[in-house]
Every structure is written in structure tokens, then in C-alpha cells.
């Protein structure tokens, strides 16, 4: 059970994803700080990353629907994602993306070995 207030905050979304639970447990077992969920990084656009460690300027996007022609792999959605990732990079935010089916381990998101604390 997640008793830490930071863990509870991570999971306060209307419908926390299964990945939010997995990520919280992975961070806990690796002594990593919990990310901020639904991190809004741009003041003029409504762009958000699924998870972020703002102090370290690292963000994680979990792409869903890739296997069913979802928003992230159709032309217009893909181009909008690229625009978002490039804007984040221009603001100094490093981002990683993974698919919900393959991001069961922090290594899949490029976070392995990074000190995100």
C-alpha cells in the first residue's frame, strides 16, 4: 500500500493509470523521487507530460493507442507530439517516450542510471 503523501499525490488523477501505480512502486523500490503527474511545462500552450521530475528537467510521456491507430501514431497527432517534444527541448526539458505496453521498467523510458533526485 502507498502511504507516502507524495505517492498519494501522484495517484490523485481522476483515473490513475495502471502505469502510475507501477511507476510509483518502481520509484519507491529504487529510492527515486516520485514524479509530478500531468506536468504542464508551457504557460501559453496546454501541453502536459504524463510524468516529470521538474527539478531535474526530465519528463516521461507514456504513449497509448499505438497498436490501434490511436492519436499518437496518426499523422496529425504524431506531428503535434513532435511539436510538443521540440518545444520542451527548447525550454531545456529532456523528455523520453515509451508505449504503455512496454514501459513496465524505467529502462524502457531511458531513465535507468539517471539520478532523478
C-alpha atoms as a PDB file:
ATOM      1  CA  UNK A   1       0.000   0.000   0.000  1.00  0.00           C
ATOM      2  CA  UNK A   2       1.212   3.504  -0.816  1.00  0.00           C
ATOM      3  CA  UNK A   3       1.297   5.541   2.355  1.00  0.00           C
ATOM      4  CA  UNK A   4       3.649   8.354   1.359  1.00  0.00           C
ATOM      5  CA  UNK A   5       1.807  11.678   0.716  1.00  0.00           C
ATOM      6  CA  UNK A   6       3.856  12.207  -2.462  1.00  0.00           C
ATOM      7  CA  UNK A   7       2.716   8.833  -3.734  1.00  0.00           C
ATOM      8  CA  UNK A   8      -0.881   9.689  -2.975  1.00  0.00           C
ATOM      9  CA  UNK A   9      -0.483  12.972  -4.907  1.00  0.00           C
ATOM     10  CA  UNK A  10       0.897  11.092  -7.920  1.00  0.00           C
ATOM     11  CA  UNK A  11      -2.197   8.945  -7.918  1.00  0.00           C
ATOM     12  CA  UNK A  12      -4.762  11.735  -7.381  1.00  0.00           C
ATOM     13  CA  UNK A  13      -5.694  11.883 -11.033  1.00  0.00           C
ATOM     14  CA  UNK A  14      -9.367  11.297 -11.783  1.00  0.00           C
ATOM     15  CA  UNK A  15      -8.497   7.843 -13.056  1.00  0.00           C
ATOM     16  CA  UNK A  16      -4.870   6.985 -12.250  1.00  0.00           C
ATOM     17  CA  UNK A  17      -3.414   4.788 -14.930  1.00  0.00           C
ATOM     18  CA  UNK A  18      -2.057   1.387 -14.125  1.00  0.00           C
ATOM     19  CA  UNK A  19       1.292   2.774 -15.182  1.00  0.00           C
ATOM     20  CA  UNK A  20       1.087   5.485 -12.488  1.00  0.00           C
ATOM     21  CA  UNK A  21       0.895   2.737  -9.878  1.00  0.00           C
ATOM     22  CA  UNK A  22       3.751   0.798 -11.467  1.00  0.00           C
ATOM     23  CA  UNK A  23       5.907   3.909 -11.761  1.00  0.00           C
ATOM     24  CA  UNK A  24       5.243   4.871  -8.130  1.00  0.00           C
ATOM     25  CA  UNK A  25       6.306   1.418  -6.983  1.00  0.00           C
ATOM     26  CA  UNK A  26       9.393   1.442  -9.210  1.00  0.00           C
ATOM     27  CA  UNK A  27      10.470   4.801  -7.841  1.00  0.00           C
ATOM     28  CA  UNK A  28       9.857   3.635  -4.294  1.00  0.00           C
ATOM     29  CA  UNK A  29      11.887   0.432  -4.684  1.00  0.00           C
ATOM     30  CA  UNK A  30      14.761   2.296  -6.352  1.00  0.00           C
ATOM     31  CA  UNK A  31      14.813   5.162  -3.824  1.00  0.00           C
ATOM     32  CA  UNK A  32      13.950   7.639  -6.567  1.00  0.00           C
ATOM     33  CA  UNK A  33      11.717  10.645  -6.034  1.00  0.00           C
ATOM     34  CA  UNK A  34       8.196  10.404  -7.347  1.00  0.00           C
ATOM     35  CA  UNK A  35       7.412  12.343 -10.492  1.00  0.00           C
ATOM     36  CA  UNK A  36       4.770  15.000 -10.865  1.00  0.00           C
ATOM     37  CA  UNK A  37       1.787  13.626 -12.774  1.00  0.00           C
ATOM     38  CA  UNK A  38       0.269  15.599 -15.664  1.00  0.00           C
ATOM     39  CA  UNK A  39       3.113  18.129 -15.592  1.00  0.00           C
ATOM     40  CA  UNK A  40       2.272  21.290 -17.531  1.00  0.00           C
ATOM     41  CA  UNK A  41       5.517  22.741 -18.846  1.00  0.00           C
ATOM     42  CA  UNK A  42       4.362  25.555 -21.109  1.00  0.00           C
ATOM     43  CA  UNK A  43       2.442  28.592 -19.896  1.00  0.00           C
ATOM     44  CA  UNK A  44       0.922  29.521 -23.246  1.00  0.00           C
ATOM     45  CA  UNK A  45       0.035  26.058 -24.552  1.00  0.00           C
ATOM     46  CA  UNK A  46      -1.869  23.364 -22.684  1.00  0.00           C
ATOM     47  CA  UNK A  47       0.877  20.812 -23.226  1.00  0.00           C
ATOM     48  CA  UNK A  48       1.478  18.318 -20.452  1.00  0.00           C
ATOM     49  CA  UNK A  49       3.746  15.360 -19.915  1.00  0.00           C
ATOM     50  CA  UNK A  50       2.333  12.295 -18.221  1.00  0.00           C
ATOM     51  CA  UNK A  51       5.095  12.393 -15.609  1.00  0.00           C
ATOM     52  CA  UNK A  52       8.008  14.719 -14.888  1.00  0.00           C
ATOM     53  CA  UNK A  53      10.788  15.466 -12.458  1.00  0.00           C
ATOM     54  CA  UNK A  54      10.758  19.278 -12.872  1.00  0.00           C
ATOM     55  CA  UNK A  55      13.793  19.999 -10.672  1.00  0.00           C
ATOM     56  CA  UNK A  56      15.894  17.755 -12.903  1.00  0.00           C
ATOM     57  CA  UNK A  57      14.112  18.867 -16.098  1.00  0.00           C
ATOM     58  CA  UNK A  58      13.203  15.308 -17.092  1.00  0.00           C
ATOM     59  CA  UNK A  59       9.805  14.291 -18.473  1.00  0.00           C
ATOM     60  CA  UNK A  60       8.196  10.986 -19.393  1.00  0.00           C
ATOM     61  CA  UNK A  61       5.382  10.542 -21.887  1.00  0.00           C
ATOM     62  CA  UNK A  62       3.543   7.214 -21.992  1.00  0.00           C
ATOM     63  CA  UNK A  63       2.119   6.818 -25.472  1.00  0.00           C
ATOM     64  CA  UNK A  64      -1.065   4.791 -25.703  1.00  0.00           C
ATOM     65  CA  UNK A  65      -3.136   3.554 -28.580  1.00  0.00           C
ATOM     66  CA  UNK A  66      -0.153   2.899 -30.840  1.00  0.00           C
ATOM     67  CA  UNK A  67      -1.340  -0.580 -31.689  1.00  0.00           C
ATOM     68  CA  UNK A  68      -4.866   0.512 -32.586  1.00  0.00           C
ATOM     69  CA  UNK A  69      -4.134   3.582 -34.726  1.00  0.00           C
ATOM     70  CA  UNK A  70      -4.561   5.886 -31.773  1.00  0.00           C
ATOM     71  CA  UNK A  71      -3.869   9.609 -31.663  1.00  0.00           C
ATOM     72  CA  UNK A  72      -0.103   9.257 -31.193  1.00  0.00           C
ATOM     73  CA  UNK A  73       0.570   7.350 -34.402  1.00  0.00           C
ATOM     74  CA  UNK A  74      -1.747   9.078 -36.859  1.00  0.00           C
ATOM     75  CA  UNK A  75      -0.215  11.814 -38.966  1.00  0.00           C
ATOM     76  CA  UNK A  76      -1.661  14.908 -37.308  1.00  0.00           C
ATOM     77  CA  UNK A  77      -1.285  13.552 -33.761  1.00  0.00           C
ATOM     78  CA  UNK A  78       2.283  12.485 -34.398  1.00  0.00           C
ATOM     79  CA  UNK A  79       3.188  15.927 -35.781  1.00  0.00           C
ATOM     80  CA  UNK A  80       1.624  17.601 -32.731  1.00  0.00           C
ATOM     81  CA  UNK A  81       3.633  15.309 -30.443  1.00  0.00           C
ATOM     82  CA  UNK A  82       6.841  16.294 -32.267  1.00  0.00           C
ATOM     83  CA  UNK A  83       5.959  19.970 -31.848  1.00  0.00           C
ATOM     84  CA  UNK A  84       5.446  19.410 -28.115  1.00  0.00           C
ATOM     85  CA  UNK A  85       8.714  17.481 -27.681  1.00  0.00           C
ATOM     86  CA  UNK A  86      10.680  20.120 -29.598  1.00  0.00           C
ATOM     87  CA  UNK A  87       9.136  22.942 -27.550  1.00  0.00           C
ATOM     88  CA  UNK A  88      10.048  21.096 -24.349  1.00  0.00           C
ATOM     89  CA  UNK A  89      13.628  20.639 -25.560  1.00  0.00           C
ATOM     90  CA  UNK A  90      13.855  24.350 -26.428  1.00  0.00           C
ATOM     91  CA  UNK A  91      12.901  25.067 -22.805  1.00  0.00           C
ATOM     92  CA  UNK A  92      15.635  22.740 -21.526  1.00  0.00           C
ATOM     93  CA  UNK A  93      13.365  19.821 -20.646  1.00  0.00           C
ATOM     94  CA  UNK A  94      14.685  16.381 -21.607  1.00  0.00           C
ATOM     95  CA  UNK A  95      11.892  14.005 -22.489  1.00  0.00           C
ATOM     96  CA  UNK A  96      11.546  10.294 -23.051  1.00  0.00           C
ATOM     97  CA  UNK A  97       8.594   8.474 -24.535  1.00  0.00           C
ATOM     98  CA  UNK A  98       7.522   4.891 -24.338  1.00  0.00           C
ATOM     99  CA  UNK A  99       4.463   2.821 -25.085  1.00  0.00           C
ATOM    100  CA  UNK A 100       2.227   1.767 -22.222  1.00  0.00           C
ATOM    101  CA  UNK A 101       2.698  -1.894 -23.170  1.00  0.00           C
ATOM    102  CA  UNK A 102       6.496  -1.708 -22.947  1.00  0.00           C
ATOM    103  CA  UNK A 103       7.213   0.796 -20.188  1.00  0.00           C
ATOM    104  CA  UNK A 104       6.948  -1.600 -17.283  1.00  0.00           C
ATOM    105  CA  UNK A 105      10.567  -0.877 -16.469  1.00  0.00           C
ATOM    106  CA  UNK A 106      12.235   2.520 -16.102  1.00  0.00           C
ATOM    107  CA  UNK A 107      14.965   1.324 -18.508  1.00  0.00           C
ATOM    108  CA  UNK A 108      12.406   1.373 -21.334  1.00  0.00           C
ATOM    109  CA  UNK A 109      11.855   5.075 -20.819  1.00  0.00           C
ATOM    110  CA  UNK A 110      15.573   5.924 -20.842  1.00  0.00           C
ATOM    111  CA  UNK A 111      15.576   6.672 -17.114  1.00  0.00           C
ATOM    112  CA  UNK A 112      17.824   3.825 -15.984  1.00  0.00           C
ATOM    113  CA  UNK A 113      21.019   5.074 -14.439  1.00  0.00           C
ATOM    114  CA  UNK A 114      19.797   8.654 -14.188  1.00  0.00           C
ATOM    115  CA  UNK A 115      19.777  10.279 -10.791  1.00  0.00           C
ATOM    116  CA  UNK A 116      16.409  11.969 -10.890  1.00  0.00           C
ATOM    117  CA  UNK A 117      16.532  13.077  -7.271  1.00  0.00           C
END
